[in-house]
Amino acid sequence: MELQHSVSINLSGRSALVTGGISGIGAAIALELARCGANVAIIDLKQESEADVILRKIKDLGRKAFFVRADISDFAAAAEAVAVVITEFGRLDILVNNAGINRDGVVWKMTEDQWDDVIRVNLKGYFNFTRAVAPIFREQKSGRIVNITSINGIRGKFGQANYSAAKAGIIGLTKTVAKELGKYNVNVNAIAPGLIETEMMKTAGDDVRAAALEEIVLKRLGQPEDIANLAAFLCSDLSRHITGEIIKVDGGQYI
């Protein structure tokens, strides 16, 4: 079959679920998916009022959008959230696992709660939503899953044993689920950002920024849109023969 080539990404008629989609990278991804034609549901633990800005932007593009407040680390809550999305949109085609937290500390000072909180949200949360959508994607014989990991899940990071371990786990999860769902026409990939200039990063000290810029070959911090552009591509038919990949978007920070 001959492919139809286009410079634009077309997600018209598709429905997406983005966890942690109120701000930062998640909001950028949600908005880019909507620009490409998708209806978007946002899952977050923040209050509904905090979702108003991104929901309005998506609706202004002529797409459907709504918010579900849920704890992604809760297995039952994840399944319920997916069911709500399907009821609202009538279908689900795309899952973007993005939500995460930080509880940094050197390993000899890290508490059990710091470890458990990060693993529960950053790794188990991804499993919870993947588990919830897998039977649906398998049955409909189509779907896209994009997991947001980190270059620190590949290289490790001082003071982030919990975070790095969770992000490394996401890489293993991505490759395994890609193998399990591949024959059902489901593509599963991960994006590994370097340091991205989110609102949280903007409040970091100058020393943190300087250290990051020293590592980054391109000598600039990444923007949320840099991650969103790749996510949209991975959710589209343009990436139909890409699965099980971990793609770094870090300006050369990992090199």
C-alpha atoms as a PDB file:
ATOM      1  CA  MET A   1       0.000   0.000   0.000  1.00  0.00           C
ATOM      2  CA  GLU A   2       1.378   3.392  -0.967  1.00  0.00           C
ATOM      3  CA  LEU A   3       1.587   5.923   1.867  1.00  0.00           C
ATOM      4  CA  GLN A   4       0.068   9.357   1.558  1.00  0.00           C
ATOM      5  CA  HIS A   5       2.715  11.893   2.522  1.00  0.00           C
ATOM      6  CA  SER A   6       1.936  15.090   4.389  1.00  0.00           C
ATOM      7  CA  VAL A   7       3.924  17.592   6.397  1.00  0.00           C
ATOM      8  CA  SER A   8       1.190  17.828   9.003  1.00  0.00           C
ATOM      9  CA  ILE A   9       0.198  15.437  11.791  1.00  0.00           C
ATOM     10  CA  ASN A  10      -3.452  14.458  11.582  1.00  0.00           C
ATOM     11  CA  LEU A  11      -5.165  13.111  14.694  1.00  0.00           C
ATOM     12  CA  SER A  12      -8.688  14.043  13.634  1.00  0.00           C
ATOM     13  CA  GLY A  13     -11.368  11.820  15.100  1.00  0.00           C
ATOM     14  CA  ARG A  14      -9.079  10.397  17.759  1.00  0.00           C
ATOM     15  CA  SER A  15      -9.422  10.673  21.507  1.00  0.00           C
ATOM     16  CA  ALA A  16      -6.511  11.028  23.914  1.00  0.00           C
ATOM     17  CA  LEU A  17      -5.960  10.751  27.648  1.00  0.00           C
ATOM     18  CA  VAL A  18      -3.049  12.655  29.187  1.00  0.00           C
ATOM     19  CA  THR A  19      -2.094  12.169  32.826  1.00  0.00           C
ATOM     20  CA  GLY A  20      -0.630  15.184  34.606  1.00  0.00           C
ATOM     21  CA  GLY A  21      -1.948  17.368  31.820  1.00  0.00           C
ATOM     22  CA  ILE A  22      -2.707  20.583  33.694  1.00  0.00           C
ATOM     23  CA  SER A  23       0.724  22.172  33.481  1.00  0.00           C
ATOM     24  CA  GLY A  24       4.259  21.813  32.142  1.00  0.00           C
ATOM     25  CA  ILE A  25       5.050  19.049  29.688  1.00  0.00           C
ATOM     26  CA  GLY A  26       1.636  17.421  30.120  1.00  0.00           C
ATOM     27  CA  ALA A  27      -0.247  20.602  29.239  1.00  0.00           C
ATOM     28  CA  ALA A  28       1.965  21.167  26.192  1.00  0.00           C
ATOM     29  CA  ILE A  29       1.281  17.630  24.988  1.00  0.00           C
ATOM     30  CA  ALA A  30      -2.468  17.937  25.567  1.00  0.00           C
ATOM     31  CA  LEU A  31      -2.570  21.184  23.618  1.00  0.00           C
ATOM     32  CA  GLU A  32      -0.467  19.842  20.731  1.00  0.00           C
ATOM     33  CA  LEU A  33      -2.641  16.741  20.405  1.00  0.00           C
ATOM     34  CA  ALA A  34      -5.665  19.028  20.218  1.00  0.00           C
ATOM     35  CA  ARG A  35      -3.989  21.197  17.573  1.00  0.00           C
ATOM     36  CA  CYS A  36      -3.517  18.041  15.538  1.00  0.00           C
ATOM     37  CA  GLY A  37      -7.227  17.240  15.800  1.00  0.00           C
ATOM     38  CA  ALA A  38      -7.660  15.035  18.869  1.00  0.00           C
ATOM     39  CA  ASN A  39     -10.173  15.353  21.657  1.00  0.00           C
ATOM     40  CA  VAL A  40      -8.323  15.354  24.971  1.00  0.00           C
ATOM     41  CA  ALA A  41      -9.116  14.212  28.497  1.00  0.00           C
ATOM     42  CA  ILE A  42      -6.825  15.368  31.274  1.00  0.00           C
ATOM     43  CA  ILE A  43      -6.244  13.318  34.408  1.00  0.00           C
ATOM     44  CA  ASP A  44      -4.659  15.039  37.395  1.00  0.00           C
ATOM     45  CA  LEU A  45      -4.781  15.158  41.177  1.00  0.00           C
ATOM     46  CA  LYS A  46      -5.001  18.948  41.205  1.00  0.00           C
ATOM     47  CA  GLN A  47      -8.298  20.730  41.639  1.00  0.00           C
ATOM     48  CA  GLU A  48     -10.676  21.091  38.692  1.00  0.00           C
ATOM     49  CA  SER A  49     -10.359  24.887  38.785  1.00  0.00           C
ATOM     50  CA  GLU A  50      -6.649  24.524  37.985  1.00  0.00           C
ATOM     51  CA  ALA A  51      -7.531  22.711  34.772  1.00  0.00           C
ATOM     52  CA  ASP A  52      -9.671  25.551  33.415  1.00  0.00           C
ATOM     53  CA  VAL A  53      -6.879  27.265  31.472  1.00  0.00           C
ATOM     54  CA  ILE A  54      -5.745  24.247  29.469  1.00  0.00           C
ATOM     55  CA  LEU A  55      -9.313  23.010  28.940  1.00  0.00           C
ATOM     56  CA  ARG A  56     -10.311  26.404  27.548  1.00  0.00           C
ATOM     57  CA  LYS A  57      -7.352  26.421  25.165  1.00  0.00           C
ATOM     58  CA  ILE A  58      -8.271  22.989  23.855  1.00  0.00           C
ATOM     59  CA  LYS A  59     -11.925  23.911  23.408  1.00  0.00           C
ATOM     60  CA  ASP A  60     -10.936  27.117  21.629  1.00  0.00           C
ATOM     61  CA  LEU A  61      -9.361  24.855  18.994  1.00  0.00           C
ATOM     62  CA  GLY A  62     -12.770  23.292  18.430  1.00  0.00           C
ATOM     63  CA  ARG A  63     -11.959  20.049  20.264  1.00  0.00           C
ATOM     64  CA  LYS A  64     -13.743  18.316  23.099  1.00  0.00           C
ATOM     65  CA  ALA A  65     -11.958  18.432  26.432  1.00  0.00           C
ATOM     66  CA  PHE A  66     -12.716  17.514  29.998  1.00  0.00           C
ATOM     67  CA  PHE A  67     -10.988  16.884  33.307  1.00  0.00           C
ATOM     68  CA  VAL A  68     -11.054  13.921  35.674  1.00  0.00           C
ATOM     69  CA  ARG A  69      -9.556  14.360  39.125  1.00  0.00           C
ATOM     70  CA  ALA A  70      -7.890  11.082  40.053  1.00  0.00           C
ATOM     71  CA  ASP A  71      -4.891   9.698  41.898  1.00  0.00           C
ATOM     72  CA  ILE A  72      -2.947   7.835  39.205  1.00  0.00           C
ATOM     73  CA  SER A  73      -1.321   5.600  41.836  1.00  0.00           C
ATOM     74  CA  ASP A  74      -4.761   4.173  42.679  1.00  0.00           C
ATOM     75  CA  PHE A  75      -5.387   1.093  40.497  1.00  0.00           C
ATOM     76  CA  ALA A  76      -9.185   1.275  40.701  1.00  0.00           C
ATOM     77  CA  ALA A  77      -9.250   5.041  40.170  1.00  0.00           C
ATOM     78  CA  ALA A  78      -7.223   4.661  36.974  1.00  0.00           C
ATOM     79  CA  ALA A  79      -9.634   2.080  35.580  1.00  0.00           C
ATOM     80  CA  GLU A  80     -12.574   4.269  36.500  1.00  0.00           C
ATOM     81  CA  ALA A  81     -10.986   7.322  34.845  1.00  0.00           C
ATOM     82  CA  VAL A  82     -10.459   5.401  31.603  1.00  0.00           C
ATOM     83  CA  ALA A  83     -14.086   4.240  31.694  1.00  0.00           C
ATOM     84  CA  VAL A  84     -15.237   7.845  32.132  1.00  0.00           C
ATOM     85  CA  VAL A  85     -13.176   8.948  29.129  1.00  0.00           C
ATOM     86  CA  ILE A  86     -14.667   6.258  26.919  1.00  0.00           C
ATOM     87  CA  THR A  87     -18.165   7.174  28.057  1.00  0.00           C
ATOM     88  CA  GLU A  88     -17.515  10.844  27.303  1.00  0.00           C
ATOM     89  CA  PHE A  89     -15.724  10.434  23.961  1.00  0.00           C
ATOM     90  CA  GLY A  90     -17.139   7.109  22.801  1.00  0.00           C
ATOM     91  CA  ARG A  91     -13.621   5.737  22.219  1.00  0.00           C
ATOM     92  CA  LEU A  92     -10.003   6.014  23.293  1.00  0.00           C
ATOM     93  CA  ASP A  93      -7.044   5.906  20.913  1.00  0.00           C
ATOM     94  CA  ILE A  94      -4.120   7.498  22.743  1.00  0.00           C
ATOM     95  CA  LEU A  95      -2.664   7.254  26.230  1.00  0.00           C
ATOM     96  CA  VAL A  96       0.096   9.608  27.336  1.00  0.00           C
ATOM     97  CA  ASN A  97       1.534   8.674  30.733  1.00  0.00           C
ATOM     98  CA  ASN A  98       3.159  11.862  31.979  1.00  0.00           C
ATOM     99  CA  ALA A  99       2.235  12.570  35.608  1.00  0.00           C
ATOM    100  CA  GLY A 100       5.025  12.370  38.140  1.00  0.00           C
ATOM    101  CA  ILE A 101       6.497  13.741  41.356  1.00  0.00           C
ATOM    102  CA  ASN A 102       9.910  14.390  42.918  1.00  0.00           C
ATOM    103  CA  ARG A 103      11.009  13.542  46.452  1.00  0.00           C
ATOM    104  CA  ASP A 104      14.756  14.092  46.118  1.00  0.00           C
ATOM    105  CA  GLY A 105      17.443  13.126  48.594  1.00  0.00           C
ATOM    106  CA  VAL A 106      20.729  11.245  48.719  1.00  0.00           C
ATOM    107  CA  VAL A 107      20.183   7.559  49.282  1.00  0.00           C
ATOM    108  CA  TRP A 108      21.662   7.522  52.806  1.00  0.00           C
ATOM    109  CA  LYS A 109      19.107  10.123  53.872  1.00  0.00           C
ATOM    110  CA  MET A 110      16.126   9.090  51.744  1.00  0.00           C
ATOM    111  CA  THR A 111      13.142   7.969  53.788  1.00  0.00           C
ATOM    112  CA  GLU A 112      10.948   4.998  53.040  1.00  0.00           C
ATOM    113  CA  ASP A 113       8.061   7.376  52.327  1.00  0.00           C
ATOM    114  CA  GLN A 114      10.160   9.349  49.817  1.00  0.00           C
ATOM    115  CA  TRP A 115      11.022   6.137  48.006  1.00  0.00           C
ATOM    116  CA  ASP A 116       7.511   4.671  48.111  1.00  0.00           C
ATOM    117  CA  ASP A 117       5.760   7.886  47.041  1.00  0.00           C
ATOM    118  CA  VAL A 118       7.843   8.279  43.888  1.00  0.00           C
ATOM    119  CA  ILE A 119       7.704   4.612  42.870  1.00  0.00           C
ATOM    120  CA  ARG A 120       3.958   4.501  43.503  1.00  0.00           C
ATOM    121  CA  VAL A 121       3.193   7.560  41.372  1.00  0.00           C
ATOM    122  CA  ASN A 122       5.941   7.565  38.745  1.00  0.00           C
ATOM    123  CA  LEU A 123       5.997   3.838  38.006  1.00  0.00           C
ATOM    124  CA  LYS A 124       2.874   2.174  39.385  1.00  0.00           C
ATOM    125  CA  GLY A 125       0.772   5.047  38.042  1.00  0.00           C
ATOM    126  CA  TYR A 126       2.019   4.310  34.533  1.00  0.00           C
ATOM    127  CA  PHE A 127       1.224   0.621  34.970  1.00  0.00           C
ATOM    128  CA  ASN A 128      -2.258   1.425  36.273  1.00  0.00           C
ATOM    129  CA  PHE A 129      -3.279   3.355  33.170  1.00  0.00           C
ATOM    130  CA  THR A 130      -1.483   1.025  30.783  1.00  0.00           C
ATOM    131  CA  ARG A 131      -3.297  -1.903  32.375  1.00  0.00           C
ATOM    132  CA  ALA A 132      -6.616  -0.092  32.041  1.00  0.00           C
ATOM    133  CA  VAL A 133      -6.241   0.706  28.324  1.00  0.00           C
ATOM    134  CA  ALA A 134      -4.495  -2.492  27.191  1.00  0.00           C
ATOM    135  CA  PRO A 135      -7.661  -4.646  26.850  1.00  0.00           C
ATOM    136  CA  ILE A 136      -9.390  -1.808  24.990  1.00  0.00           C
ATOM    137  CA  PHE A 137      -6.549  -1.256  22.535  1.00  0.00           C
ATOM    138  CA  ARG A 138      -6.129  -5.014  22.110  1.00  0.00           C
ATOM    139  CA  GLU A 139      -9.812  -5.471  21.308  1.00  0.00           C
ATOM    140  CA  GLN A 140     -10.009  -2.578  18.834  1.00  0.00           C
ATOM    141  CA  LYS A 141      -6.632  -3.566  17.333  1.00  0.00           C
ATOM    142  CA  SER A 142      -5.256  -0.053  17.441  1.00  0.00           C
ATOM    143  CA  GLY A 143      -3.783   2.397  19.919  1.00  0.00           C
ATOM    144  CA  ARG A 144      -0.834   4.539  20.853  1.00  0.00           C
ATOM    145  CA  ILE A 145       0.881   4.691  24.240  1.00  0.00           C
ATOM    146  CA  VAL A 146       3.545   7.319  24.922  1.00  0.00           C
ATOM    147  CA  ASN A 147       5.375   7.213  28.253  1.00  0.00           C
ATOM    148  CA  ILE A 148       7.367  10.170  29.540  1.00  0.00           C
ATOM    149  CA  THR A 149      10.533   8.883  31.182  1.00  0.00           C
ATOM    150  CA  SER A 150      13.819  10.815  31.651  1.00  0.00           C
ATOM    151  CA  ILE A 151      17.461  10.703  30.675  1.00  0.00           C
ATOM    152  CA  ASN A 152      18.026  10.186  34.404  1.00  0.00           C
ATOM    153  CA  GLY A 153      16.323   6.814  34.053  1.00  0.00           C
ATOM    154  CA  ILE A 154      19.111   5.881  31.658  1.00  0.00           C
ATOM    155  CA  ARG A 155      22.132   7.464  33.341  1.00  0.00           C
ATOM    156  CA  GLY A 156      21.087   7.914  36.984  1.00  0.00           C
ATOM    157  CA  LYS A 157      21.163  11.204  38.867  1.00  0.00           C
ATOM    158  CA  PHE A 158      22.790  12.164  42.160  1.00  0.00           C
ATOM    159  CA  GLY A 159      20.104  12.697  44.805  1.00  0.00           C
ATOM    160  CA  GLN A 160      17.390  10.981  42.755  1.00  0.00           C
ATOM    161  CA  ALA A 161      17.662   7.255  43.454  1.00  0.00           C
ATOM    162  CA  ASN A 162      13.870   6.944  43.672  1.00  0.00           C
ATOM    163  CA  TYR A 163      13.130   9.094  40.609  1.00  0.00           C
ATOM    164  CA  SER A 164      15.838   7.484  38.464  1.00  0.00           C
ATOM    165  CA  ALA A 165      14.719   3.996  39.469  1.00  0.00           C
ATOM    166  CA  ALA A 166      11.103   4.775  38.568  1.00  0.00           C
ATOM    167  CA  LYS A 167      12.077   6.297  35.235  1.00  0.00           C
ATOM    168  CA  ALA A 168      14.277   3.285  34.468  1.00  0.00           C
ATOM    169  CA  GLY A 169      11.308   1.074  35.301  1.00  0.00           C
ATOM    170  CA  ILE A 170       9.215   2.978  32.772  1.00  0.00           C
ATOM    171  CA  ILE A 171      11.754   2.075  30.096  1.00  0.00           C
ATOM    172  CA  GLY A 172      11.379  -1.619  30.916  1.00  0.00           C
ATOM    173  CA  LEU A 173       7.599  -1.259  31.017  1.00  0.00           C
ATOM    174  CA  THR A 174       7.594   0.453  27.617  1.00  0.00           C
ATOM    175  CA  LYS A 175       9.646  -2.245  25.898  1.00  0.00           C
ATOM    176  CA  THR A 176       7.664  -5.090  27.460  1.00  0.00           C
ATOM    177  CA  VAL A 177       4.234  -3.673  26.619  1.00  0.00           C
ATOM    178  CA  ALA A 178       5.429  -2.892  23.080  1.00  0.00           C
ATOM    179  CA  LYS A 179       6.209  -6.603  22.676  1.00  0.00           C
ATOM    180  CA  GLU A 180       2.931  -7.716  24.227  1.00  0.00           C
ATOM    181  CA  LEU A 181       0.641  -5.397  22.250  1.00  0.00           C
ATOM    182  CA  GLY A 182       2.529  -5.140  18.973  1.00  0.00           C
ATOM    183  CA  LYS A 183       0.563  -7.841  17.184  1.00  0.00           C
ATOM    184  CA  TYR A 184      -2.612  -5.916  17.994  1.00  0.00           C
ATOM    185  CA  ASN A 185      -1.385  -2.844  16.082  1.00  0.00           C
ATOM    186  CA  VAL A 186      -0.583  -0.917  19.266  1.00  0.00           C
ATOM    187  CA  ASN A 187       2.574   1.196  19.299  1.00  0.00           C
ATOM    188  CA  VAL A 188       4.262   1.856  22.638  1.00  0.00           C
ATOM    189  CA  ASN A 189       7.155   4.307  22.920  1.00  0.00           C
ATOM    190  CA  ALA A 190       8.815   6.516  25.507  1.00  0.00           C
ATOM    191  CA  ILE A 191      10.294  10.000  25.440  1.00  0.00           C
ATOM    192  CA  ALA A 192      13.279  10.724  27.685  1.00  0.00           C
ATOM    193  CA  PRO A 193      13.538  14.487  28.234  1.00  0.00           C
ATOM    194  CA  GLY A 194      16.598  16.222  29.543  1.00  0.00           C
ATOM    195  CA  LEU A 195      16.129  19.374  31.585  1.00  0.00           C
ATOM    196  CA  ILE A 196      13.000  21.155  30.373  1.00  0.00           C
ATOM    197  CA  GLU A 197      12.105  24.730  31.280  1.00  0.00           C
ATOM    198  CA  THR A 198       8.800  24.265  33.067  1.00  0.00           C
ATOM    199  CA  GLU A 199       7.427  26.604  35.720  1.00  0.00           C
ATOM    200  CA  MET A 200       9.135  24.489  38.375  1.00  0.00           C
ATOM    201  CA  MET A 201      12.474  24.818  36.619  1.00  0.00           C
ATOM    202  CA  LYS A 202      12.090  28.591  36.316  1.00  0.00           C
ATOM    203  CA  THR A 203      12.158  28.829  40.111  1.00  0.00           C
ATOM    204  CA  ALA A 204      15.343  26.761  40.417  1.00  0.00           C
ATOM    205  CA  GLY A 205      18.569  28.426  41.455  1.00  0.00           C
ATOM    206  CA  ASP A 206      21.038  29.831  38.964  1.00  0.00           C
ATOM    207  CA  ASP A 207      23.512  27.111  39.930  1.00  0.00           C
ATOM    208  CA  VAL A 208      21.084  24.393  38.827  1.00  0.00           C
ATOM    209  CA  ARG A 209      20.518  26.066  35.480  1.00  0.00           C
ATOM    210  CA  ALA A 210      24.229  26.682  34.962  1.00  0.00           C
ATOM    211  CA  ALA A 211      25.085  23.044  35.704  1.00  0.00           C
ATOM    212  CA  ALA A 212      22.454  21.848  33.228  1.00  0.00           C
ATOM    213  CA  LEU A 213      23.578  24.242  30.510  1.00  0.00           C
ATOM    214  CA  GLU A 214      27.131  23.012  30.960  1.00  0.00           C
ATOM    215  CA  GLU A 215      25.951  19.494  30.059  1.00  0.00           C
ATOM    216  CA  ILE A 216      23.678  20.493  27.172  1.00  0.00           C
ATOM    217  CA  VAL A 217      25.414  20.511  23.791  1.00  0.00           C
ATOM    218  CA  LEU A 218      22.945  22.990  22.283  1.00  0.00           C
ATOM    219  CA  LYS A 219      23.475  25.360  25.248  1.00  0.00           C
ATOM    220  CA  ARG A 220      19.790  26.017  25.829  1.00  0.00           C
ATOM    221  CA  LEU A 221      17.136  24.460  28.030  1.00  0.00           C
ATOM    222  CA  GLY A 222      14.425  22.447  26.333  1.00  0.00           C
ATOM    223  CA  GLN A 223      10.868  23.736  26.192  1.00  0.00           C
ATOM    224  CA  PRO A 224       7.693  21.716  26.888  1.00  0.00           C
ATOM    225  CA  GLU A 225       6.794  22.103  23.223  1.00  0.00           C
ATOM    226  CA  ASP A 226       9.919  20.172  22.255  1.00  0.00           C
ATOM    227  CA  ILE A 227       8.472  17.139  24.029  1.00  0.00           C
ATOM    228  CA  ALA A 228       4.932  17.786  22.785  1.00  0.00           C
ATOM    229  CA  ASN A 229       5.998  17.834  19.136  1.00  0.00           C
ATOM    230  CA  LEU A 230       7.543  14.380  19.389  1.00  0.00           C
ATOM    231  CA  ALA A 231       4.611  13.043  21.402  1.00  0.00           C
ATOM    232  CA  ALA A 232       2.175  14.125  18.687  1.00  0.00           C
ATOM    233  CA  PHE A 233       4.327  12.439  16.041  1.00  0.00           C
ATOM    234  CA  LEU A 234       4.442   9.204  18.058  1.00  0.00           C
ATOM    235  CA  CYS A 235       0.651   9.298  18.412  1.00  0.00           C
ATOM    236  CA  SER A 236       0.150   9.625  14.662  1.00  0.00           C
ATOM    237  CA  ASP A 237       0.243   7.267  11.690  1.00  0.00           C
ATOM    238  CA  LEU A 238       3.526   8.865  10.632  1.00  0.00           C
ATOM    239  CA  SER A 239       5.208   6.739  13.336  1.00  0.00           C
ATOM    240  CA  ARG A 240       3.292   3.557  12.518  1.00  0.00           C
ATOM    241  CA  HIS A 241       6.486   1.446  12.245  1.00  0.00           C
ATOM    242  CA  ILE A 242       8.114   2.755  15.445  1.00  0.00           C
ATOM    243  CA  THR A 243       7.569   0.889  18.696  1.00  0.00           C
ATOM    244  CA  GLY A 244       9.527  -0.025  21.811  1.00  0.00           C
ATOM    245  CA  GLU A 245      11.787   3.000  21.376  1.00  0.00           C
ATOM    246  CA  ILE A 246      13.170   5.343  24.036  1.00  0.00           C
ATOM    247  CA  ILE A 247      13.828   8.672  22.329  1.00  0.00           C
ATOM    248  CA  LYS A 248      15.924  11.305  24.099  1.00  0.00           C
ATOM    249  CA  VAL A 249      14.934  14.959  23.727  1.00  0.00           C
ATOM    250  CA  ASP A 250      17.691  16.677  25.651  1.00  0.00           C
ATOM    251  CA  GLY A 251      19.719  18.966  23.400  1.00  0.00           C
ATOM    252  CA  GLY A 252      22.609  16.518  23.712  1.00  0.00           C
ATOM    253  CA  GLN A 253      22.614  16.571  27.528  1.00  0.00           C
ATOM    254  CA  TYR A 254      23.081  12.798  27.704  1.00  0.00           C
ATOM    255  CA  ILE A 255      26.062  12.659  25.330  1.00  0.00           C
END
